[in-house]
Every structure is written in structure tokens, then in C-alpha cells.
Amino acid sequence: MYRRYGGGAVSVLAMPFEDGCELVCHASDAEEEDRLFLRWAAMYQESMGFEEFKAELSAGHGAQEAGDGRSAAEILEGVKGIIG
């Protein structure tokens, strides 16, 4: 938020709570959009449009949250195998 709006955090703190939260959420969403755009421009610009790239990541995000079905013990066992 500081990078996007400079030293405006003092004015955000002076806002009503709901308005301040809305502004922080908006700044966070805009920051995420900027990072996605840079990622798209560096790697995927030739193969797909930006909106298609965002849609593909959004579709994959739900599957990522669901996990792969392994239990915590199984994941820990795999980590122990990696780090020794």
C-alpha cells in the first residue's frame, strides 16, 4: 500500500473503518494485478492474452486450495525424505 499510495497510510487510518478496509483491499487487488501482468508479459505474452492468463490461473487456484488428498503425516514423511 505504501508503494502504491506513498505515505497515505495516515489518511487511511483516519478513515472510517469500512472505508479504510475497502481501500486496503483495493490496493491489494491492484498490486496482485500488477504482478500478474508482469509475469504474463515476461513469460506468456506470445502464447495467450492477459485475460486468458488470469482466467487460467483463477481456475487452477481452486484446485490448488483443495490439495492433493495427502494427510499431514504423509506430507511430513515426504519432507523428511527430502531433507534427510
N, C-alpha and C. Protein backbone atom coordinates (compact mmCIF):
# COMPACT_ATOMS: atom_id res chain seq x y z
N MET A 1 0.82 -1.18 0.00
CA MET A 1 0.00 0.00 0.00
C MET A 1 0.87 1.25 0.00
N TYR A 2 1.97 1.22 0.75
CA TYR A 2 2.87 2.37 0.76
C TYR A 2 3.45 2.63 -0.62
N ARG A 3 3.83 1.56 -1.31
CA ARG A 3 4.43 1.73 -2.63
C ARG A 3 3.44 2.33 -3.61
N ARG A 4 2.20 1.91 -3.53
CA ARG A 4 1.18 2.37 -4.46
C ARG A 4 0.71 3.79 -4.14
N TYR A 5 0.50 4.09 -2.86
CA TYR A 5 -0.09 5.37 -2.48
C TYR A 5 0.84 6.27 -1.69
N GLY A 6 2.08 5.91 -1.57
CA GLY A 6 3.04 6.73 -0.85
C GLY A 6 2.76 6.72 0.64
N GLY A 7 2.93 7.84 1.29
CA GLY A 7 2.75 7.93 2.74
C GLY A 7 1.31 8.16 3.14
N GLY A 8 0.35 7.68 2.37
CA GLY A 8 -1.05 7.93 2.65
C GLY A 8 -1.66 7.07 3.72
N ALA A 9 -0.85 6.29 4.42
CA ALA A 9 -1.40 5.39 5.43
C ALA A 9 -2.03 6.17 6.58
N VAL A 10 -1.52 7.34 6.87
CA VAL A 10 -2.09 8.14 7.95
C VAL A 10 -3.52 8.53 7.62
N SER A 11 -3.76 8.88 6.37
CA SER A 11 -5.13 9.24 6.00
C SER A 11 -6.04 8.02 5.97
N VAL A 12 -5.48 6.83 5.67
CA VAL A 12 -6.28 5.61 5.71
C VAL A 12 -6.69 5.31 7.14
N LEU A 13 -5.79 5.50 8.08
CA LEU A 13 -6.10 5.26 9.49
C LEU A 13 -7.14 6.24 10.01
N ALA A 14 -7.23 7.42 9.40
CA ALA A 14 -8.20 8.41 9.83
C ALA A 14 -9.58 8.17 9.23
N MET A 15 -9.67 7.28 8.24
CA MET A 15 -10.95 6.99 7.58
C MET A 15 -11.84 6.16 8.48
N PRO A 16 -13.12 6.16 8.19
CA PRO A 16 -13.99 5.18 8.85
C PRO A 16 -13.49 3.77 8.54
N PHE A 17 -13.68 2.85 9.47
CA PHE A 17 -13.12 1.50 9.36
C PHE A 17 -13.45 0.82 8.04
N GLU A 18 -14.73 0.83 7.66
CA GLU A 18 -15.16 0.14 6.45
C GLU A 18 -14.49 0.73 5.21
N ASP A 19 -14.38 2.05 5.16
CA ASP A 19 -13.76 2.70 4.01
C ASP A 19 -12.28 2.38 3.93
N GLY A 20 -11.62 2.39 5.08
CA GLY A 20 -10.20 2.06 5.11
C GLY A 20 -9.94 0.63 4.66
N CYS A 21 -10.78 -0.29 5.14
CA CYS A 21 -10.64 -1.70 4.73
C CYS A 21 -10.87 -1.85 3.24
N GLU A 22 -11.83 -1.16 2.71
CA GLU A 22 -12.12 -1.23 1.27
C GLU A 22 -10.94 -0.71 0.46
N LEU A 23 -10.32 0.37 0.92
CA LEU A 23 -9.17 0.93 0.22
C LEU A 23 -7.97 -0.02 0.28
N VAL A 24 -7.74 -0.63 1.43
CA VAL A 24 -6.64 -1.58 1.56
C VAL A 24 -6.88 -2.79 0.65
N CYS A 25 -8.10 -3.29 0.61
CA CYS A 25 -8.41 -4.42 -0.28
C CYS A 25 -8.22 -4.04 -1.74
N HIS A 26 -8.65 -2.84 -2.10
CA HIS A 26 -8.48 -2.37 -3.48
C HIS A 26 -6.99 -2.28 -3.83
N ALA A 27 -6.19 -1.74 -2.93
CA ALA A 27 -4.75 -1.63 -3.17
C ALA A 27 -4.11 -3.00 -3.31
N SER A 28 -4.53 -3.94 -2.49
CA SER A 28 -4.00 -5.30 -2.55
C SER A 28 -4.37 -5.96 -3.88
N ASP A 29 -5.61 -5.80 -4.31
CA ASP A 29 -6.04 -6.37 -5.60
C ASP A 29 -5.27 -5.76 -6.76
N ALA A 30 -5.06 -4.43 -6.71
CA ALA A 30 -4.32 -3.76 -7.78
C ALA A 30 -2.87 -4.23 -7.82
N GLU A 31 -2.28 -4.43 -6.66
CA GLU A 31 -0.90 -4.93 -6.59
C GLU A 31 -0.81 -6.33 -7.18
N GLU A 32 -1.77 -7.18 -6.87
CA GLU A 32 -1.79 -8.53 -7.42
C GLU A 32 -1.94 -8.49 -8.94
N GLU A 33 -2.79 -7.63 -9.42
CA GLU A 33 -2.99 -7.47 -10.87
C GLU A 33 -1.70 -7.03 -11.55
N ASP A 34 -0.97 -6.09 -10.93
CA ASP A 34 0.31 -5.63 -11.48
C ASP A 34 1.31 -6.77 -11.56
N ARG A 35 1.39 -7.57 -10.52
CA ARG A 35 2.34 -8.69 -10.51
C ARG A 35 1.96 -9.74 -11.55
N LEU A 36 0.67 -10.02 -11.67
CA LEU A 36 0.22 -10.96 -12.70
C LEU A 36 0.58 -10.46 -14.09
N PHE A 37 0.39 -9.16 -14.32
CA PHE A 37 0.69 -8.59 -15.62
C PHE A 37 2.18 -8.73 -15.94
N LEU A 38 3.03 -8.45 -14.97
CA LEU A 38 4.47 -8.58 -15.20
C LEU A 38 4.85 -10.03 -15.49
N ARG A 39 4.24 -10.95 -14.78
CA ARG A 39 4.50 -12.37 -15.01
C ARG A 39 4.06 -12.77 -16.42
N TRP A 40 2.87 -12.31 -16.80
CA TRP A 40 2.35 -12.61 -18.14
C TRP A 40 3.27 -12.00 -19.21
N ALA A 41 3.67 -10.74 -19.03
CA ALA A 41 4.48 -10.05 -20.04
C ALA A 41 5.85 -10.72 -20.21
N ALA A 42 6.39 -11.25 -19.12
CA ALA A 42 7.72 -11.86 -19.19
C ALA A 42 7.70 -13.27 -19.77
N MET A 43 6.59 -14.00 -19.59
CA MET A 43 6.63 -15.42 -19.94
C MET A 43 5.56 -15.88 -20.93
N TYR A 44 4.38 -15.28 -20.92
CA TYR A 44 3.26 -15.86 -21.66
C TYR A 44 2.68 -14.96 -22.75
N GLN A 45 3.27 -13.83 -22.96
CA GLN A 45 2.72 -12.84 -23.88
C GLN A 45 2.53 -13.40 -25.29
N GLU A 46 3.43 -14.23 -25.74
CA GLU A 46 3.36 -14.77 -27.10
C GLU A 46 2.30 -15.85 -27.25
N SER A 47 1.98 -16.57 -26.16
CA SER A 47 1.11 -17.73 -26.29
C SER A 47 -0.35 -17.50 -25.92
N MET A 48 -0.64 -16.44 -25.12
CA MET A 48 -2.03 -16.19 -24.73
C MET A 48 -2.20 -14.75 -24.30
N GLY A 49 -3.45 -14.28 -24.34
CA GLY A 49 -3.76 -12.93 -23.90
C GLY A 49 -3.76 -12.85 -22.38
N PHE A 50 -3.69 -11.63 -21.86
CA PHE A 50 -3.62 -11.43 -20.42
C PHE A 50 -4.87 -11.92 -19.70
N GLU A 51 -6.04 -11.63 -20.25
CA GLU A 51 -7.28 -12.07 -19.61
C GLU A 51 -7.38 -13.60 -19.58
N GLU A 52 -6.93 -14.24 -20.66
CA GLU A 52 -6.92 -15.70 -20.70
C GLU A 52 -5.96 -16.25 -19.64
N PHE A 53 -4.81 -15.60 -19.49
CA PHE A 53 -3.82 -16.00 -18.50
C PHE A 53 -4.40 -15.89 -17.08
N LYS A 54 -5.08 -14.79 -16.80
CA LYS A 54 -5.70 -14.61 -15.48
C LYS A 54 -6.77 -15.66 -15.23
N ALA A 55 -7.58 -15.94 -16.24
CA ALA A 55 -8.65 -16.94 -16.09
C ALA A 55 -8.06 -18.32 -15.84
N GLU A 56 -6.98 -18.65 -16.51
CA GLU A 56 -6.35 -19.95 -16.33
C GLU A 56 -5.78 -20.08 -14.92
N LEU A 57 -5.18 -19.03 -14.41
CA LEU A 57 -4.65 -19.06 -13.04
C LEU A 57 -5.78 -19.14 -12.02
N SER A 58 -6.86 -18.43 -12.27
CA SER A 58 -8.00 -18.48 -11.35
C SER A 58 -8.62 -19.86 -11.31
N ALA A 59 -8.72 -20.51 -12.44
CA ALA A 59 -9.28 -21.86 -12.50
C ALA A 59 -8.38 -22.84 -11.76
N GLY A 60 -7.08 -22.68 -11.88
CA GLY A 60 -6.14 -23.55 -11.20
C GLY A 60 -6.05 -23.28 -9.71
N HIS A 61 -6.40 -22.06 -9.30
CA HIS A 61 -6.31 -21.68 -7.89
C HIS A 61 -7.26 -22.49 -7.03
N GLY A 62 -8.45 -22.74 -7.49
CA GLY A 62 -9.41 -23.53 -6.72
C GLY A 62 -8.93 -24.95 -6.53
N ALA A 63 -8.31 -25.52 -7.55
CA ALA A 63 -7.79 -26.88 -7.43
C ALA A 63 -6.63 -26.92 -6.45
N GLN A 64 -5.84 -25.84 -6.43
CA GLN A 64 -4.71 -25.79 -5.52
C GLN A 64 -5.18 -25.76 -4.07
N GLU A 65 -6.24 -25.05 -3.79
CA GLU A 65 -6.76 -24.96 -2.43
C GLU A 65 -7.29 -26.31 -1.95
N ALA A 66 -7.81 -27.11 -2.87
CA ALA A 66 -8.38 -28.40 -2.49
C ALA A 66 -7.31 -29.38 -2.02
N GLY A 67 -6.07 -29.18 -2.43
CA GLY A 67 -4.99 -30.06 -2.02
C GLY A 67 -4.92 -31.30 -2.89
N ASP A 68 -3.99 -32.16 -2.55
CA ASP A 68 -3.81 -33.37 -3.35
C ASP A 68 -4.30 -34.62 -2.63
N GLY A 69 -4.94 -34.46 -1.49
CA GLY A 69 -5.54 -35.58 -0.80
C GLY A 69 -4.63 -36.29 0.19
N ARG A 70 -3.37 -35.82 0.31
CA ARG A 70 -2.46 -36.46 1.26
C ARG A 70 -2.73 -35.93 2.67
N SER A 71 -2.51 -36.78 3.64
CA SER A 71 -2.66 -36.35 5.03
C SER A 71 -1.41 -35.59 5.46
N ALA A 72 -1.49 -34.91 6.59
CA ALA A 72 -0.34 -34.17 7.11
C ALA A 72 0.83 -35.12 7.38
N ALA A 73 0.54 -36.32 7.88
CA ALA A 73 1.59 -37.30 8.16
C ALA A 73 2.31 -37.72 6.88
N GLU A 74 1.55 -37.90 5.80
CA GLU A 74 2.15 -38.29 4.53
C GLU A 74 3.03 -37.17 3.98
N ILE A 75 2.59 -35.95 4.10
CA ILE A 75 3.38 -34.81 3.64
C ILE A 75 4.66 -34.71 4.45
N LEU A 76 4.54 -34.83 5.77
CA LEU A 76 5.70 -34.75 6.65
C LEU A 76 6.70 -35.86 6.32
N GLU A 77 6.22 -37.05 6.05
CA GLU A 77 7.10 -38.16 5.68
C GLU A 77 7.86 -37.84 4.39
N GLY A 78 7.17 -37.23 3.42
CA GLY A 78 7.83 -36.83 2.19
C GLY A 78 8.89 -35.77 2.41
N VAL A 79 8.59 -34.82 3.29
CA VAL A 79 9.57 -33.77 3.61
C VAL A 79 10.79 -34.37 4.29
N LYS A 80 10.58 -35.30 5.21
CA LYS A 80 11.71 -35.96 5.88
C LYS A 80 12.59 -36.69 4.87
N GLY A 81 11.96 -37.26 3.85
CA GLY A 81 12.73 -37.94 2.82
C GLY A 81 13.57 -36.98 2.01
N ILE A 82 13.09 -35.75 1.85
CA ILE A 82 13.84 -34.75 1.07
C ILE A 82 15.00 -34.19 1.86
N ILE A 83 14.74 -33.83 3.13
CA ILE A 83 15.78 -33.16 3.91
C ILE A 83 16.65 -34.12 4.72
N GLY A 84 16.29 -35.38 4.73
CA GLY A 84 17.12 -36.39 5.37
C GLY A 84 16.79 -36.66 6.75
